[in-house]
Amino acid sequence: MSFRSYDLLRLVKDFGKELTLRKKTTAGTYSPSTGTVTGSATTDYTFSGYFFNFSVGLPTDDELRRGTRRCIVPALGLAVAPDDEDLIVGQGDNVTIVKVTTVFNAGTAVCYICEVSE
């Protein structure tokens, strides 16, 4: 099953929830003696997104993993693009972005389909 970009945005408009994209803005410094990272910083971006089950919607070749879902993130109005290892916070849990697919319409990014894992 495939979606048009309009269908994806309609899902977000009709059923989306307020979520937060948490991006690491400073990687920090690793201390080998303590095994910890210090000085890292994050920046939060609020958006309205929609989670859906991994096996429902877009087909995939990837192996199904427990706790894996997808999240539609509208590109329009979002100041940054999501990347691998960013966090999506909301709906009672934090999930890590594993893979990002950008959906374009006439050369303009319309939304991102983020594969996320708990």
PDB file of N, CA and C in Angstrom:
ATOM      1  N   MET A   1       0.845  -1.169   0.000  1.00  0.00           N
ATOM      2  CA  MET A   1       0.000   0.000   0.000  1.00  0.00           C
ATOM      3  C   MET A   1       0.890   1.231   0.000  1.00  0.00           C
ATOM      4  N   SER A   2       0.565   2.206  -0.809  1.00  0.00           N
ATOM      5  CA  SER A   2       1.347   3.432  -0.828  1.00  0.00           C
ATOM      6  C   SER A   2       0.443   4.625  -0.528  1.00  0.00           C
ATOM      7  N   PHE A   3       1.074   5.672  -0.033  1.00  0.00           N
ATOM      8  CA  PHE A   3       0.359   6.889   0.327  1.00  0.00           C
ATOM      9  C   PHE A   3       0.834   8.033  -0.553  1.00  0.00           C
ATOM     10  N   ARG A   4      -0.069   8.926  -0.857  1.00  0.00           N
ATOM     11  CA  ARG A   4       0.323  10.186  -1.455  1.00  0.00           C
ATOM     12  C   ARG A   4       0.683  11.132  -0.319  1.00  0.00           C
ATOM     13  N   SER A   5       1.462  12.163  -0.621  1.00  0.00           N
ATOM     14  CA  SER A   5       1.862  13.100   0.431  1.00  0.00           C
ATOM     15  C   SER A   5       0.646  13.753   1.076  1.00  0.00           C
ATOM     16  N   TYR A   6      -0.391  14.003   0.302  1.00  0.00           N
ATOM     17  CA  TYR A   6      -1.614  14.595   0.848  1.00  0.00           C
ATOM     18  C   TYR A   6      -2.247  13.660   1.882  1.00  0.00           C
ATOM     19  N   ASP A   7      -2.262  12.367   1.602  1.00  0.00           N
ATOM     20  CA  ASP A   7      -2.829  11.396   2.540  1.00  0.00           C
ATOM     21  C   ASP A   7      -2.069  11.396   3.865  1.00  0.00           C
ATOM     22  N   LEU A   8      -0.744  11.480   3.793  1.00  0.00           N
ATOM     23  CA  LEU A   8       0.067  11.491   5.005  1.00  0.00           C
ATOM     24  C   LEU A   8      -0.222  12.736   5.843  1.00  0.00           C
ATOM     25  N   LEU A   9      -0.276  13.887   5.186  1.00  0.00           N
ATOM     26  CA  LEU A   9      -0.565  15.120   5.925  1.00  0.00           C
ATOM     27  C   LEU A   9      -1.975  15.117   6.497  1.00  0.00           C
ATOM     28  N   ARG A  10      -2.899  14.484   5.790  1.00  0.00           N
ATOM     29  CA  ARG A  10      -4.276  14.382   6.281  1.00  0.00           C
ATOM     30  C   ARG A  10      -4.349  13.521   7.546  1.00  0.00           C
ATOM     31  N   LEU A  11      -3.566  12.437   7.591  1.00  0.00           N
ATOM     32  CA  LEU A  11      -3.496  11.616   8.797  1.00  0.00           C
ATOM     33  C   LEU A  11      -3.014  12.440   9.994  1.00  0.00           C
ATOM     34  N   VAL A  12      -1.996  13.260   9.765  1.00  0.00           N
ATOM     35  CA  VAL A  12      -1.466  14.105  10.841  1.00  0.00           C
ATOM     36  C   VAL A  12      -2.512  15.118  11.273  1.00  0.00           C
ATOM     37  N   LYS A  13      -3.180  15.731  10.298  1.00  0.00           N
ATOM     38  CA  LYS A  13      -4.192  16.748  10.622  1.00  0.00           C
ATOM     39  C   LYS A  13      -5.354  16.141  11.408  1.00  0.00           C
ATOM     40  N   ASP A  14      -5.827  14.982  10.988  1.00  0.00           N
ATOM     41  CA  ASP A  14      -7.000  14.369  11.611  1.00  0.00           C
ATOM     42  C   ASP A  14      -6.692  13.642  12.923  1.00  0.00           C
ATOM     43  N   PHE A  15      -5.527  12.985  13.007  1.00  0.00           N
ATOM     44  CA  PHE A  15      -5.257  12.122  14.157  1.00  0.00           C
ATOM     45  C   PHE A  15      -3.946  12.433  14.877  1.00  0.00           C
ATOM     46  N   GLY A  16      -3.224  13.434  14.433  1.00  0.00           N
ATOM     47  CA  GLY A  16      -1.910  13.736  15.003  1.00  0.00           C
ATOM     48  C   GLY A  16      -1.976  14.235  16.435  1.00  0.00           C
ATOM     49  N   LYS A  17      -0.897  14.008  17.150  1.00  0.00           N
ATOM     50  CA  LYS A  17      -0.736  14.440  18.533  1.00  0.00           C
ATOM     51  C   LYS A  17       0.487  15.346  18.625  1.00  0.00           C
ATOM     52  N   GLU A  18       0.489  16.217  19.627  1.00  0.00           N
ATOM     53  CA  GLU A  18       1.639  17.082  19.829  1.00  0.00           C
ATOM     54  C   GLU A  18       2.804  16.256  20.346  1.00  0.00           C
ATOM     55  N   LEU A  19       3.923  16.335  19.647  1.00  0.00           N
ATOM     56  CA  LEU A  19       5.134  15.587  19.971  1.00  0.00           C
ATOM     57  C   LEU A  19       6.314  16.550  19.981  1.00  0.00           C
ATOM     58  N   THR A  20       7.453  16.072  20.447  1.00  0.00           N
ATOM     59  CA  THR A  20       8.669  16.881  20.480  1.00  0.00           C
ATOM     60  C   THR A  20       9.796  16.118  19.808  1.00  0.00           C
ATOM     61  N   LEU A  21      10.475  16.785  18.884  1.00  0.00           N
ATOM     62  CA  LEU A  21      11.679  16.242  18.259  1.00  0.00           C
ATOM     63  C   LEU A  21      12.855  16.770  19.063  1.00  0.00           C
ATOM     64  N   ARG A  22      13.623  15.874  19.671  1.00  0.00           N
ATOM     65  CA  ARG A  22      14.765  16.269  20.492  1.00  0.00           C
ATOM     66  C   ARG A  22      16.040  15.940  19.734  1.00  0.00           C
ATOM     67  N   LYS A  23      16.735  17.012  19.305  1.00  0.00           N
ATOM     68  CA  LYS A  23      17.981  16.855  18.546  1.00  0.00           C
ATOM     69  C   LYS A  23      19.171  17.151  19.436  1.00  0.00           C
ATOM     70  N   LYS A  24      20.208  16.351  19.283  1.00  0.00           N
ATOM     71  CA  LYS A  24      21.456  16.602  19.989  1.00  0.00           C
ATOM     72  C   LYS A  24      22.179  17.720  19.258  1.00  0.00           C
ATOM     73  N   THR A  25      22.433  18.837  19.944  1.00  0.00           N
ATOM     74  CA  THR A  25      23.082  19.972  19.289  1.00  0.00           C
ATOM     75  C   THR A  25      24.576  20.023  19.574  1.00  0.00           C
ATOM     76  N   THR A  26      25.007  19.434  20.679  1.00  0.00           N
ATOM     77  CA  THR A  26      26.420  19.347  21.024  1.00  0.00           C
ATOM     78  C   THR A  26      26.704  17.922  21.462  1.00  0.00           C
ATOM     79  N   ALA A  27      27.677  17.309  20.847  1.00  0.00           N
ATOM     80  CA  ALA A  27      27.967  15.910  21.140  1.00  0.00           C
ATOM     81  C   ALA A  27      28.565  15.709  22.531  1.00  0.00           C
ATOM     82  N   GLY A  28      29.307  16.676  23.041  1.00  0.00           N
ATOM     83  CA  GLY A  28      29.920  16.523  24.352  1.00  0.00           C
ATOM     84  C   GLY A  28      31.303  15.907  24.249  1.00  0.00           C
ATOM     85  N   THR A  29      31.879  15.657  25.402  1.00  0.00           N
ATOM     86  CA  THR A  29      33.234  15.118  25.478  1.00  0.00           C
ATOM     87  C   THR A  29      33.207  13.798  26.232  1.00  0.00           C
ATOM     88  N   TYR A  30      33.849  12.806  25.668  1.00  0.00           N
ATOM     89  CA  TYR A  30      33.918  11.481  26.292  1.00  0.00           C
ATOM     90  C   TYR A  30      35.145  11.403  27.194  1.00  0.00           C
ATOM     91  N   SER A  31      34.940  10.947  28.409  1.00  0.00           N
ATOM     92  CA  SER A  31      36.033  10.757  29.365  1.00  0.00           C
ATOM     93  C   SER A  31      36.321   9.263  29.479  1.00  0.00           C
ATOM     94  N   PRO A  32      37.464   8.802  28.970  1.00  0.00           N
ATOM     95  CA  PRO A  32      37.775   7.381  29.038  1.00  0.00           C
ATOM     96  C   PRO A  32      37.955   6.872  30.464  1.00  0.00           C
ATOM     97  N   SER A  33      38.385   7.740  31.378  1.00  0.00           N
ATOM     98  CA  SER A  33      38.613   7.283  32.752  1.00  0.00           C
ATOM     99  C   SER A  33      37.298   6.981  33.482  1.00  0.00           C
ATOM    100  N   THR A  34      36.235   7.764  33.182  1.00  0.00           N
ATOM    101  CA  THR A  34      34.951   7.532  33.846  1.00  0.00           C
ATOM    102  C   THR A  34      33.956   6.799  32.960  1.00  0.00           C
ATOM    103  N   GLY A  35      34.195   6.810  31.645  1.00  0.00           N
ATOM    104  CA  GLY A  35      33.280   6.150  30.711  1.00  0.00           C
ATOM    105  C   GLY A  35      31.991   6.911  30.491  1.00  0.00           C
ATOM    106  N   THR A  36      32.008   8.231  30.713  1.00  0.00           N
ATOM    107  CA  THR A  36      30.801   9.047  30.557  1.00  0.00           C
ATOM    108  C   THR A  36      31.028  10.173  29.559  1.00  0.00           C
ATOM    109  N   VAL A  37      29.921  10.720  29.060  1.00  0.00           N
ATOM    110  CA  VAL A  37      29.959  11.874  28.162  1.00  0.00           C
ATOM    111  C   VAL A  37      29.447  13.073  28.935  1.00  0.00           C
ATOM    112  N   THR A  38      30.190  14.164  28.909  1.00  0.00           N
ATOM    113  CA  THR A  38      29.768  15.387  29.586  1.00  0.00           C
ATOM    114  C   THR A  38      29.707  16.531  28.582  1.00  0.00           C
ATOM    115  N   GLY A  39      28.863  17.500  28.872  1.00  0.00           N
ATOM    116  CA  GLY A  39      28.779  18.694  28.033  1.00  0.00           C
ATOM    117  C   GLY A  39      27.884  18.565  26.823  1.00  0.00           C
ATOM    118  N   SER A  40      27.105  17.489  26.710  1.00  0.00           N
ATOM    119  CA  SER A  40      26.204  17.380  25.564  1.00  0.00           C
ATOM    120  C   SER A  40      24.961  18.233  25.817  1.00  0.00           C
ATOM    121  N   ALA A  41      24.368  18.733  24.743  1.00  0.00           N
ATOM    122  CA  ALA A  41      23.175  19.579  24.853  1.00  0.00           C
ATOM    123  C   ALA A  41      22.168  19.161  23.797  1.00  0.00           C
ATOM    124  N   THR A  42      20.893  19.392  24.082  1.00  0.00           N
ATOM    125  CA  THR A  42      19.829  19.072  23.135  1.00  0.00           C
ATOM    126  C   THR A  42      18.961  20.301  22.901  1.00  0.00           C
ATOM    127  N   THR A  43      18.259  20.290  21.765  1.00  0.00           N
ATOM    128  CA  THR A  43      17.287  21.329  21.439  1.00  0.00           C
ATOM    129  C   THR A  43      15.985  20.637  21.073  1.00  0.00           C
ATOM    130  N   ASP A  44      14.867  21.160  21.599  1.00  0.00           N
ATOM    131  CA  ASP A  44      13.546  20.577  21.361  1.00  0.00           C
ATOM    132  C   ASP A  44      12.771  21.377  20.328  1.00  0.00           C
ATOM    133  N   TYR A  45      12.066  20.657  19.438  1.00  0.00           N
ATOM    134  CA  TYR A  45      11.204  21.257  18.424  1.00  0.00           C
ATOM    135  C   TYR A  45       9.834  20.585  18.521  1.00  0.00           C
ATOM    136  N   THR A  46       8.793  21.371  18.728  1.00  0.00           N
ATOM    137  CA  THR A  46       7.445  20.834  18.865  1.00  0.00           C
ATOM    138  C   THR A  46       6.790  20.731  17.497  1.00  0.00           C
ATOM    139  N   PHE A  47       6.074  19.632  17.280  1.00  0.00           N
ATOM    140  CA  PHE A  47       5.353  19.428  16.023  1.00  0.00           C
ATOM    141  C   PHE A  47       4.155  18.530  16.285  1.00  0.00           C
ATOM    142  N   SER A  48       3.263  18.452  15.338  1.00  0.00           N
ATOM    143  CA  SER A  48       2.134  17.538  15.412  1.00  0.00           C
ATOM    144  C   SER A  48       2.462  16.350  14.514  1.00  0.00           C
ATOM    145  N   GLY A  49       2.492  15.137  15.099  1.00  0.00           N
ATOM    146  CA  GLY A  49       2.874  13.951  14.340  1.00  0.00           C
ATOM    147  C   GLY A  49       1.898  12.818  14.570  1.00  0.00           C
ATOM    148  N   TYR A  50       2.054  11.764  13.771  1.00  0.00           N
ATOM    149  CA  TYR A  50       1.147  10.626  13.827  1.00  0.00           C
ATOM    150  C   TYR A  50       1.952   9.330  13.816  1.00  0.00           C
ATOM    151  N   PHE A  51       1.782   8.493  14.848  1.00  0.00           N
ATOM    152  CA  PHE A  51       2.409   7.171  14.909  1.00  0.00           C
ATOM    153  C   PHE A  51       1.495   6.130  14.266  1.00  0.00           C
ATOM    154  N   PHE A  52       2.091   5.161  13.559  1.00  0.00           N
ATOM    155  CA  PHE A  52       1.317   4.031  13.064  1.00  0.00           C
ATOM    156  C   PHE A  52       2.163   2.773  13.140  1.00  0.00           C
ATOM    157  N   ASN A  53       1.497   1.634  13.142  1.00  0.00           N
ATOM    158  CA  ASN A  53       2.170   0.345  13.287  1.00  0.00           C
ATOM    159  C   ASN A  53       3.097   0.092  12.120  1.00  0.00           C
ATOM    160  N   PHE A  54       4.176  -0.587  12.420  1.00  0.00           N
ATOM    161  CA  PHE A  54       5.205  -0.906  11.433  1.00  0.00           C
ATOM    162  C   PHE A  54       4.652  -1.750  10.301  1.00  0.00           C
ATOM    163  N   SER A  55       3.823  -2.727  10.622  1.00  0.00           N
ATOM    164  CA  SER A  55       3.351  -3.674   9.618  1.00  0.00           C
ATOM    165  C   SER A  55       2.141  -3.161   8.835  1.00  0.00           C
ATOM    166  N   VAL A  56       1.611  -2.017   9.228  1.00  0.00           N
ATOM    167  CA  VAL A  56       0.464  -1.433   8.537  1.00  0.00           C
ATOM    168  C   VAL A  56       0.946  -0.203   7.793  1.00  0.00           C
ATOM    169  N   GLY A  57       0.565  -0.049   6.557  1.00  0.00           N
ATOM    170  CA  GLY A  57       0.970   1.141   5.813  1.00  0.00           C
ATOM    171  C   GLY A  57       1.996   0.801   4.763  1.00  0.00           C
ATOM    172  N   LEU A  58       3.146   1.433   4.838  1.00  0.00           N
ATOM    173  CA  LEU A  58       4.156   1.274   3.812  1.00  0.00           C
ATOM    174  C   LEU A  58       4.873  -0.061   3.951  1.00  0.00           C
ATOM    175  N   PRO A  59       5.054  -0.778   2.855  1.00  0.00           N
ATOM    176  CA  PRO A  59       5.768  -2.056   2.930  1.00  0.00           C
ATOM    177  C   PRO A  59       7.249  -1.827   3.214  1.00  0.00           C
ATOM    178  N   THR A  60       7.880  -2.812   3.806  1.00  0.00           N
ATOM    179  CA  THR A  60       9.295  -2.683   4.143  1.00  0.00           C
ATOM    180  C   THR A  60      10.010  -4.008   3.947  1.00  0.00           C
ATOM    181  N   ASP A  61      11.305  -3.939   3.704  1.00  0.00           N
ATOM    182  CA  ASP A  61      12.123  -5.137   3.579  1.00  0.00           C
ATOM    183  C   ASP A  61      12.832  -5.451   4.892  1.00  0.00           C
ATOM    184  N   ASP A  62      12.762  -4.537   5.853  1.00  0.00           N
ATOM    185  CA  ASP A  62      13.480  -4.701   7.113  1.00  0.00           C
ATOM    186  C   ASP A  62      12.840  -5.775   7.978  1.00  0.00           C
ATOM    187  N   GLU A  63      13.640  -6.345   8.837  1.00  0.00           N
ATOM    188  CA  GLU A  63      13.157  -7.346   9.776  1.00  0.00           C
ATOM    189  C   GLU A  63      12.323  -6.656  10.861  1.00  0.00           C
ATOM    190  N   LEU A  64      11.214  -7.245  11.210  1.00  0.00           N
ATOM    191  CA  LEU A  64      10.337  -6.691  12.228  1.00  0.00           C
ATOM    192  C   LEU A  64      10.973  -6.850  13.598  1.00  0.00           C
ATOM    193  N   ARG A  65      11.069  -5.746  14.330  1.00  0.00           N
ATOM    194  CA  ARG A  65      11.630  -5.764  15.679  1.00  0.00           C
ATOM    195  C   ARG A  65      10.558  -5.315  16.666  1.00  0.00           C
ATOM    196  N   ARG A  66      10.609  -5.863  17.848  1.00  0.00           N
ATOM    197  CA  ARG A  66       9.650  -5.521  18.893  1.00  0.00           C
ATOM    198  C   ARG A  66       9.758  -4.032  19.238  1.00  0.00           C
ATOM    199  N   GLY A  67       8.614  -3.348  19.323  1.00  0.00           N
ATOM    200  CA  GLY A  67       8.586  -1.945  19.705  1.00  0.00           C
ATOM    201  C   GLY A  67       8.849  -0.985  18.566  1.00  0.00           C
ATOM    202  N   THR A  68       8.894  -1.475  17.329  1.00  0.00           N
ATOM    203  CA  THR A  68       9.179  -0.624  16.190  1.00  0.00           C
ATOM    204  C   THR A  68       7.886  -0.095  15.592  1.00  0.00           C
ATOM    205  N   ARG A  69       7.853   1.198  15.351  1.00  0.00           N
ATOM    206  CA  ARG A  69       6.709   1.863  14.731  1.00  0.00           C
ATOM    207  C   ARG A  69       7.234   2.879  13.732  1.00  0.00           C
ATOM    208  N   ARG A  70       6.313   3.582  13.124  1.00  0.00           N
ATOM    209  CA  ARG A  70       6.670   4.696  12.254  1.00  0.00           C
ATOM    210  C   ARG A  70       5.934   5.931  12.711  1.00  0.00           C
ATOM    211  N   CYS A  71       6.543   7.075  12.442  1.00  0.00           N
ATOM    212  CA  CYS A  71       5.942   8.354  12.813  1.00  0.00           C
ATOM    213  C   CYS A  71       6.016   9.283  11.611  1.00  0.00           C
ATOM    214  N   ILE A  72       4.886   9.896  11.285  1.00  0.00           N
ATOM    215  CA  ILE A  72       4.855  10.895  10.214  1.00  0.00           C
ATOM    216  C   ILE A  72       5.149  12.245  10.837  1.00  0.00           C
ATOM    217  N   VAL A  73       6.181  12.910  10.326  1.00  0.00           N
ATOM    218  CA  VAL A  73       6.589  14.223  10.802  1.00  0.00           C
ATOM    219  C   VAL A  73       6.455  15.202   9.635  1.00  0.00           C
ATOM    220  N   PRO A  74       5.525  16.170   9.697  1.00  0.00           N
ATOM    221  CA  PRO A  74       5.391  17.134   8.602  1.00  0.00           C
ATOM    222  C   PRO A  74       6.646  17.997   8.478  1.00  0.00           C
ATOM    223  N   ALA A  75       7.123  18.183   7.256  1.00  0.00           N
ATOM    224  CA  ALA A  75       8.303  19.011   7.023  1.00  0.00           C
ATOM    225  C   ALA A  75       7.951  20.493   6.994  1.00  0.00           C
ATOM    226  N   LEU A  76       6.744  20.792   6.565  1.00  0.00           N
ATOM    227  CA  LEU A  76       6.333  22.181   6.447  1.00  0.00           C
ATOM    228  C   LEU A  76       6.165  22.784   7.842  1.00  0.00           C
ATOM    229  N   GLY A  77       6.894  23.848   8.124  1.00  0.00           N
ATOM    230  CA  GLY A  77       6.799  24.504   9.416  1.00  0.00           C
ATOM    231  C   GLY A  77       7.769  23.987  10.453  1.00  0.00           C
ATOM    232  N   LEU A  78       8.473  22.905  10.163  1.00  0.00           N
ATOM    233  CA  LEU A  78       9.461  22.380  11.100  1.00  0.00           C
ATOM    234  C   LEU A  78      10.820  22.971  10.733  1.00  0.00           C
ATOM    235  N   ALA A  79      11.507  23.554  11.708  1.00  0.00           N
ATOM    236  CA  ALA A  79      12.750  24.285  11.453  1.00  0.00           C
ATOM    237  C   ALA A  79      13.919  23.384  11.056  1.00  0.00           C
ATOM    238  N   VAL A  80      13.877  22.103  11.434  1.00  0.00           N
ATOM    239  CA  VAL A  80      14.977  21.181  11.161  1.00  0.00           C
ATOM    240  C   VAL A  80      14.430  19.875  10.617  1.00  0.00           C
ATOM    241  N   ALA A  81      15.311  19.101  10.019  1.00  0.00           N
ATOM    242  CA  ALA A  81      14.927  17.769   9.539  1.00  0.00           C
ATOM    243  C   ALA A  81      15.352  16.733  10.574  1.00  0.00           C
ATOM    244  N   PRO A  82      14.520  15.719  10.814  1.00  0.00           N
ATOM    245  CA  PRO A  82      14.918  14.673  11.758  1.00  0.00           C
ATOM    246  C   PRO A  82      16.066  13.838  11.191  1.00  0.00           C
ATOM    247  N   ASP A  83      16.907  13.352  12.083  1.00  0.00           N
ATOM    248  CA  ASP A  83      18.043  12.518  11.706  1.00  0.00           C
ATOM    249  C   ASP A  83      18.019  11.236  12.517  1.00  0.00           C
ATOM    250  N   ASP A  84      18.802  10.254  12.073  1.00  0.00           N
ATOM    251  CA  ASP A  84      18.971   9.035  12.852  1.00  0.00           C
ATOM    252  C   ASP A  84      19.500   9.400  14.237  1.00  0.00           C
ATOM    253  N   GLU A  85      19.038   8.686  15.244  1.00  0.00           N
ATOM    254  CA  GLU A  85      19.428   8.842  16.641  1.00  0.00           C
ATOM    255  C   GLU A  85      18.817  10.054  17.336  1.00  0.00           C
ATOM    256  N   ASP A  86      17.979  10.856  16.654  1.00  0.00           N
ATOM    257  CA  ASP A  86      17.199  11.885  17.340  1.00  0.00           C
ATOM    258  C   ASP A  86      16.098  11.189  18.122  1.00  0.00           C
ATOM    259  N   LEU A  87      15.521  11.879  19.086  1.00  0.00           N
ATOM    260  CA  LEU A  87      14.436  11.314  19.885  1.00  0.00           C
ATOM    261  C   LEU A  87      13.121  11.981  19.527  1.00  0.00           C
ATOM    262  N   ILE A  88      12.037  11.212  19.606  1.00  0.00           N
ATOM    263  CA  ILE A  88      10.690  11.771  19.535  1.00  0.00           C
ATOM    264  C   ILE A  88      10.068  11.498  20.901  1.00  0.00           C
ATOM    265  N   VAL A  89       9.663  12.577  21.564  1.00  0.00           N
ATOM    266  CA  VAL A  89       9.141  12.504  22.918  1.00  0.00           C
ATOM    267  C   VAL A  89       7.666  12.841  22.879  1.00  0.00           C
ATOM    268  N   GLY A  90       6.860  12.025  23.559  1.00  0.00           N
ATOM    269  CA  GLY A  90       5.430  12.280  23.627  1.00  0.00           C
ATOM    270  C   GLY A  90       4.654  10.989  23.711  1.00  0.00           C
ATOM    271  N   GLN A  91       3.372  11.106  23.941  1.00  0.00           N
ATOM    272  CA  GLN A  91       2.472   9.974  24.070  1.00  0.00           C
ATOM    273  C   GLN A  91       2.977   8.979  25.108  1.00  0.00           C
ATOM    274  N   GLY A  92       3.596   9.491  26.163  1.00  0.00           N
ATOM    275  CA  GLY A  92       3.990   8.646  27.273  1.00  0.00           C
ATOM    276  C   GLY A  92       5.299   7.901  27.124  1.00  0.00           C
ATOM    277  N   ASP A  93       6.037   8.102  26.042  1.00  0.00           N
ATOM    278  CA  ASP A  93       7.314   7.420  25.912  1.00  0.00           C
ATOM    279  C   ASP A  93       8.274   8.210  25.039  1.00  0.00           C
ATOM    280  N   ASN A  94       9.541   7.789  25.068  1.00  0.00           N
ATOM    281  CA  ASN A  94      10.567   8.350  24.208  1.00  0.00           C
ATOM    282  C   ASN A  94      10.987   7.267  23.229  1.00  0.00           C
ATOM    283  N   VAL A  95      11.060   7.617  21.952  1.00  0.00           N
ATOM    284  CA  VAL A  95      11.507   6.660  20.945  1.00  0.00           C
ATOM    285  C   VAL A  95      12.671   7.267  20.175  1.00  0.00           C
ATOM    286  N   THR A  96      13.547   6.405  19.710  1.00  0.00           N
ATOM    287  CA  THR A  96      14.716   6.831  18.951  1.00  0.00           C
ATOM    288  C   THR A  96      14.468   6.611  17.473  1.00  0.00           C
ATOM    289  N   ILE A  97      14.830   7.591  16.664  1.00  0.00           N
ATOM    290  CA  ILE A  97      14.688   7.469  15.213  1.00  0.00           C
ATOM    291  C   ILE A  97      15.793   6.555  14.689  1.00  0.00           C
ATOM    292  N   VAL A  98      15.381   5.525  13.942  1.00  0.00           N
ATOM    293  CA  VAL A  98      16.309   4.559  13.383  1.00  0.00           C
ATOM    294  C   VAL A  98      16.596   4.874  11.910  1.00  0.00           C
ATOM    295  N   LYS A  99      15.567   5.326  11.198  1.00  0.00           N
ATOM    296  CA  LYS A  99      15.698   5.566   9.762  1.00  0.00           C
ATOM    297  C   LYS A  99      14.707   6.659   9.359  1.00  0.00           C
ATOM    298  N   VAL A 100      15.110   7.537   8.453  1.00  0.00           N
ATOM    299  CA  VAL A 100      14.244   8.624   7.993  1.00  0.00           C
ATOM    300  C   VAL A 100      14.093   8.537   6.473  1.00  0.00           C
ATOM    301  N   THR A 101      12.838   8.582   6.016  1.00  0.00           N
ATOM    302  CA  THR A 101      12.532   8.640   4.593  1.00  0.00           C
ATOM    303  C   THR A 101      11.819   9.962   4.334  1.00  0.00           C
ATOM    304  N   THR A 102      12.325  10.740   3.380  1.00  0.00           N
ATOM    305  CA  THR A 102      11.723  12.029   3.060  1.00  0.00           C
ATOM    306  C   THR A 102      10.754  11.862   1.904  1.00  0.00           C
ATOM    307  N   VAL A 103       9.538  12.404   2.060  1.00  0.00           N
ATOM    308  CA  VAL A 103       8.521  12.368   1.009  1.00  0.00           C
ATOM    309  C   VAL A 103       8.495  13.739   0.350  1.00  0.00           C
ATOM    310  N   PHE A 104       8.717  13.761  -0.971  1.00  0.00           N
ATOM    311  CA  PHE A 104       8.763  15.009  -1.724  1.00  0.00           C
ATOM    312  C   PHE A 104       7.519  15.154  -2.590  1.00  0.00           C
ATOM    313  N   ASN A 105       7.155  16.403  -2.868  1.00  0.00           N
ATOM    314  CA  ASN A 105       6.115  16.724  -3.836  1.00  0.00           C
ATOM    315  C   ASN A 105       6.623  17.911  -4.630  1.00  0.00           C
ATOM    316  N   ALA A 106       6.822  17.716  -5.917  1.00  0.00           N
ATOM    317  CA  ALA A 106       7.343  18.755  -6.808  1.00  0.00           C
ATOM    318  C   ALA A 106       8.666  19.316  -6.292  1.00  0.00           C
ATOM    319  N   GLY A 107       9.535  18.450  -5.781  1.00  0.00           N
ATOM    320  CA  GLY A 107      10.857  18.869  -5.331  1.00  0.00           C
ATOM    321  C   GLY A 107      10.909  19.484  -3.945  1.00  0.00           C
ATOM    322  N   THR A 108       9.778  19.592  -3.264  1.00  0.00           N
ATOM    323  CA  THR A 108       9.730  20.168  -1.919  1.00  0.00           C
ATOM    324  C   THR A 108       9.451  19.069  -0.908  1.00  0.00           C
ATOM    325  N   ALA A 109      10.233  19.052   0.159  1.00  0.00           N
ATOM    326  CA  ALA A 109       9.991  18.074   1.223  1.00  0.00           C
ATOM    327  C   ALA A 109       8.655  18.379   1.885  1.00  0.00           C
ATOM    328  N   VAL A 110       7.763  17.384   1.910  1.00  0.00           N
ATOM    329  CA  VAL A 110       6.433  17.559   2.486  1.00  0.00           C
ATOM    330  C   VAL A 110       6.370  16.956   3.879  1.00  0.00           C
ATOM    331  N   CYS A 111       6.945  15.772   4.030  1.00  0.00           N
ATOM    332  CA  CYS A 111       6.954  15.135   5.345  1.00  0.00           C
ATOM    333  C   CYS A 111       8.069  14.101   5.402  1.00  0.00           C
ATOM    334  N   TYR A 112       8.314  13.661   6.617  1.00  0.00           N
ATOM    335  CA  TYR A 112       9.308  12.631   6.879  1.00  0.00           C
ATOM    336  C   TYR A 112       8.584  11.435   7.483  1.00  0.00           C
ATOM    337  N   ILE A 113       8.945  10.246   7.030  1.00  0.00           N
ATOM    338  CA  ILE A 113       8.439   9.026   7.654  1.00  0.00           C
ATOM    339  C   ILE A 113       9.610   8.460   8.439  1.00  0.00           C
ATOM    340  N   CYS A 114       9.489   8.517   9.752  1.00  0.00           N
ATOM    341  CA  CYS A 114      10.578   8.101  10.634  1.00  0.00           C
ATOM    342  C   CYS A 114      10.274   6.727  11.206  1.00  0.00           C
ATOM    343  N   GLU A 115      11.183   5.795  10.979  1.00  0.00           N
ATOM    344  CA  GLU A 115      11.090   4.498  11.640  1.00  0.00           C
ATOM    345  C   GLU A 115      11.681   4.696  13.024  1.00  0.00           C
ATOM    346  N   VAL A 116      10.903   4.373  14.061  1.00  0.00           N
ATOM    347  CA  VAL A 116      11.346   4.617  15.426  1.00  0.00           C
ATOM    348  C   VAL A 116      11.314   3.326  16.227  1.00  0.00           C
ATOM    349  N   SER A 117      12.139   3.274  17.256  1.00  0.00           N
ATOM    350  CA  SER A 117      12.207   2.096  18.102  1.00  0.00           C
ATOM    351  C   SER A 117      12.305   2.530  19.558  1.00  0.00           C
ATOM    352  N   GLU A 118      11.669   1.772  20.439  1.00  0.00           N
ATOM    353  CA  GLU A 118      11.705   2.098  21.870  1.00  0.00           C
ATOM    354  C   GLU A 118      13.034   1.729  22.468  1.00  0.00           C
TER     355      GLU A 118
END
